[in-house]
């Protein structure tokens, strides 16, 4: 399987609670509707450990695919936000995300078993 991770910050003026609500109730359902190649789709909302500063990101999102072609299909569907579906996502992301702060990575995961 292939995994990508996106580090996402909320838009200035959007509270953490508003960010999570919009992501869970609107954005995630959109993604599930338009991206059939998702094998698994996980949103992780980091919380500061006691005595540490607030995390730099509001969500660490995991996108799992059966293969690299599935991951590339999402990029094709979005079409640099110029396709019809891409425009839907651009409009929605601008409601709650600081898009210029988003960082996405292809992950080389290593798991240690105990």
C-alpha atoms as a PDB file:
ATOM      1  CA  UNK A   1       0.000   0.000   0.000  1.00  0.00           C
ATOM      2  CA  UNK A   2       0.971   3.627  -0.534  1.00  0.00           C
ATOM      3  CA  UNK A   3       0.435   6.374   2.032  1.00  0.00           C
ATOM      4  CA  UNK A   4       0.600  10.131   1.706  1.00  0.00           C
ATOM      5  CA  UNK A   5       0.374  12.548   4.599  1.00  0.00           C
ATOM      6  CA  UNK A   6      -0.794  16.155   4.557  1.00  0.00           C
ATOM      7  CA  UNK A   7       0.028  18.609   7.337  1.00  0.00           C
ATOM      8  CA  UNK A   8      -2.802  21.142   7.391  1.00  0.00           C
ATOM      9  CA  UNK A   9      -3.285  24.422   9.264  1.00  0.00           C
ATOM     10  CA  UNK A  10      -6.569  26.179   9.770  1.00  0.00           C
ATOM     11  CA  UNK A  11      -7.233  29.502   8.099  1.00  0.00           C
ATOM     12  CA  UNK A  12      -6.668  32.608  10.267  1.00  0.00           C
ATOM     13  CA  UNK A  13      -9.915  33.539  11.984  1.00  0.00           C
ATOM     14  CA  UNK A  14     -11.181  29.935  12.036  1.00  0.00           C
ATOM     15  CA  UNK A  15     -11.194  28.325  15.477  1.00  0.00           C
ATOM     16  CA  UNK A  16      -9.844  24.811  15.942  1.00  0.00           C
ATOM     17  CA  UNK A  17     -13.372  23.598  16.708  1.00  0.00           C
ATOM     18  CA  UNK A  18     -14.759  25.209  13.528  1.00  0.00           C
ATOM     19  CA  UNK A  19     -11.896  23.690  11.533  1.00  0.00           C
ATOM     20  CA  UNK A  20     -12.554  20.168  12.836  1.00  0.00           C
ATOM     21  CA  UNK A  21     -16.327  20.494  12.356  1.00  0.00           C
ATOM     22  CA  UNK A  22     -15.978  21.654   8.746  1.00  0.00           C
ATOM     23  CA  UNK A  23     -13.368  19.036   7.928  1.00  0.00           C
ATOM     24  CA  UNK A  24     -15.392  16.174   9.392  1.00  0.00           C
ATOM     25  CA  UNK A  25     -18.871  17.234   8.285  1.00  0.00           C
ATOM     26  CA  UNK A  26     -18.143  18.704   4.862  1.00  0.00           C
ATOM     27  CA  UNK A  27     -14.636  18.224   3.483  1.00  0.00           C
ATOM     28  CA  UNK A  28     -14.081  14.560   4.382  1.00  0.00           C
ATOM     29  CA  UNK A  29     -17.432  13.485   2.881  1.00  0.00           C
ATOM     30  CA  UNK A  30     -16.515  15.403  -0.313  1.00  0.00           C
ATOM     31  CA  UNK A  31     -13.212  13.556  -0.506  1.00  0.00           C
ATOM     32  CA  UNK A  32     -14.883  10.185  -0.023  1.00  0.00           C
ATOM     33  CA  UNK A  33     -17.387  11.032  -2.739  1.00  0.00           C
ATOM     34  CA  UNK A  34     -14.868  12.116  -5.382  1.00  0.00           C
ATOM     35  CA  UNK A  35     -11.799   9.977  -4.665  1.00  0.00           C
ATOM     36  CA  UNK A  36     -12.696   6.312  -5.165  1.00  0.00           C
ATOM     37  CA  UNK A  37      -9.052   5.225  -4.946  1.00  0.00           C
ATOM     38  CA  UNK A  38      -8.835   5.994  -1.209  1.00  0.00           C
ATOM     39  CA  UNK A  39      -8.233   2.729   0.627  1.00  0.00           C
ATOM     40  CA  UNK A  40      -8.138   4.467   4.008  1.00  0.00           C
ATOM     41  CA  UNK A  41      -8.626   8.109   4.975  1.00  0.00           C
ATOM     42  CA  UNK A  42      -7.601   9.219   8.471  1.00  0.00           C
ATOM     43  CA  UNK A  43      -7.639  12.673  10.066  1.00  0.00           C
ATOM     44  CA  UNK A  44      -5.412  13.088  13.131  1.00  0.00           C
ATOM     45  CA  UNK A  45      -5.951  16.241  15.203  1.00  0.00           C
ATOM     46  CA  UNK A  46      -2.803  16.799  17.301  1.00  0.00           C
ATOM     47  CA  UNK A  47      -3.069  17.949  20.894  1.00  0.00           C
ATOM     48  CA  UNK A  48      -0.151  19.501  22.762  1.00  0.00           C
ATOM     49  CA  UNK A  49       1.469  17.334  25.404  1.00  0.00           C
ATOM     50  CA  UNK A  50       1.413  18.913  28.872  1.00  0.00           C
ATOM     51  CA  UNK A  51       4.199  21.468  29.188  1.00  0.00           C
ATOM     52  CA  UNK A  52       4.768  21.799  25.424  1.00  0.00           C
ATOM     53  CA  UNK A  53       3.748  24.405  22.868  1.00  0.00           C
ATOM     54  CA  UNK A  54       0.763  24.068  20.561  1.00  0.00           C
ATOM     55  CA  UNK A  55       1.375  21.950  17.437  1.00  0.00           C
ATOM     56  CA  UNK A  56       2.198  23.785  14.203  1.00  0.00           C
ATOM     57  CA  UNK A  57      -0.606  22.002  12.340  1.00  0.00           C
ATOM     58  CA  UNK A  58      -4.267  21.423  13.085  1.00  0.00           C
ATOM     59  CA  UNK A  59      -4.545  18.137  11.215  1.00  0.00           C
ATOM     60  CA  UNK A  60      -2.251  15.396  10.016  1.00  0.00           C
ATOM     61  CA  UNK A  61      -4.224  13.642   7.313  1.00  0.00           C
ATOM     62  CA  UNK A  62      -3.352  10.166   6.047  1.00  0.00           C
ATOM     63  CA  UNK A  63      -4.417   9.035   2.588  1.00  0.00           C
ATOM     64  CA  UNK A  64      -3.939   5.308   1.880  1.00  0.00           C
ATOM     65  CA  UNK A  65      -4.013   3.772  -1.604  1.00  0.00           C
ATOM     66  CA  UNK A  66      -3.548   0.282  -3.032  1.00  0.00           C
ATOM     67  CA  UNK A  67      -0.759   1.545  -5.276  1.00  0.00           C
ATOM     68  CA  UNK A  68       0.973   4.657  -6.595  1.00  0.00           C
ATOM     69  CA  UNK A  69      -1.457   4.831  -9.513  1.00  0.00           C
ATOM     70  CA  UNK A  70      -4.312   5.310  -7.039  1.00  0.00           C
ATOM     71  CA  UNK A  71      -2.486   8.229  -5.417  1.00  0.00           C
ATOM     72  CA  UNK A  72      -1.747   9.785  -8.791  1.00  0.00           C
ATOM     73  CA  UNK A  73      -5.415   9.418  -9.781  1.00  0.00           C
ATOM     74  CA  UNK A  74      -6.362  11.889  -7.020  1.00  0.00           C
ATOM     75  CA  UNK A  75      -3.929  14.437  -8.477  1.00  0.00           C
ATOM     76  CA  UNK A  76      -5.429  13.823 -11.916  1.00  0.00           C
ATOM     77  CA  UNK A  77      -8.980  14.338 -10.619  1.00  0.00           C
ATOM     78  CA  UNK A  78      -8.000  17.589  -8.874  1.00  0.00           C
ATOM     79  CA  UNK A  79      -6.168  18.765 -11.997  1.00  0.00           C
ATOM     80  CA  UNK A  80      -4.259  21.523 -10.181  1.00  0.00           C
ATOM     81  CA  UNK A  81      -7.686  22.794  -9.083  1.00  0.00           C
ATOM     82  CA  UNK A  82      -8.643  23.590 -12.686  1.00  0.00           C
ATOM     83  CA  UNK A  83     -11.025  20.672 -13.267  1.00  0.00           C
ATOM     84  CA  UNK A  84     -14.661  20.885 -12.179  1.00  0.00           C
ATOM     85  CA  UNK A  85     -13.920  18.704  -9.134  1.00  0.00           C
ATOM     86  CA  UNK A  86     -10.715  20.633  -8.469  1.00  0.00           C
ATOM     87  CA  UNK A  87     -12.700  23.873  -8.330  1.00  0.00           C
ATOM     88  CA  UNK A  88     -15.104  22.327  -5.804  1.00  0.00           C
ATOM     89  CA  UNK A  89     -12.162  21.406  -3.569  1.00  0.00           C
ATOM     90  CA  UNK A  90     -10.422  24.741  -4.000  1.00  0.00           C
ATOM     91  CA  UNK A  91     -13.563  26.610  -2.951  1.00  0.00           C
ATOM     92  CA  UNK A  92     -14.095  24.341   0.042  1.00  0.00           C
ATOM     93  CA  UNK A  93     -10.467  24.395   1.207  1.00  0.00           C
ATOM     94  CA  UNK A  94     -10.400  28.185   1.090  1.00  0.00           C
ATOM     95  CA  UNK A  95     -13.250  28.216   3.632  1.00  0.00           C
ATOM     96  CA  UNK A  96     -11.231  26.652   6.440  1.00  0.00           C
ATOM     97  CA  UNK A  97      -7.623  25.834   5.468  1.00  0.00           C
ATOM     98  CA  UNK A  98      -4.497  27.985   5.239  1.00  0.00           C
ATOM     99  CA  UNK A  99      -3.764  26.412   1.860  1.00  0.00           C
ATOM    100  CA  UNK A 100      -0.327  28.051   1.530  1.00  0.00           C
ATOM    101  CA  UNK A 101       0.762  26.263   4.724  1.00  0.00           C
ATOM    102  CA  UNK A 102      -0.323  22.750   3.650  1.00  0.00           C
ATOM    103  CA  UNK A 103       2.498  20.268   3.146  1.00  0.00           C
ATOM    104  CA  UNK A 104       1.951  16.862   1.518  1.00  0.00           C
ATOM    105  CA  UNK A 105       4.395  13.969   1.488  1.00  0.00           C
ATOM    106  CA  UNK A 106       4.613  10.495  -0.008  1.00  0.00           C
ATOM    107  CA  UNK A 107       5.524   8.267   2.953  1.00  0.00           C
ATOM    108  CA  UNK A 108       8.096   5.491   3.167  1.00  0.00           C
ATOM    109  CA  UNK A 109       6.697   3.823   6.281  1.00  0.00           C
ATOM    110  CA  UNK A 110       8.753   1.398   8.378  1.00  0.00           C
ATOM    111  CA  UNK A 111       6.996  -0.588  11.092  1.00  0.00           C
ATOM    112  CA  UNK A 112       8.790  -2.311  13.945  1.00  0.00           C
ATOM    113  CA  UNK A 113       7.007  -5.245  15.513  1.00  0.00           C
ATOM    114  CA  UNK A 114       7.575  -6.037  19.161  1.00  0.00           C
END
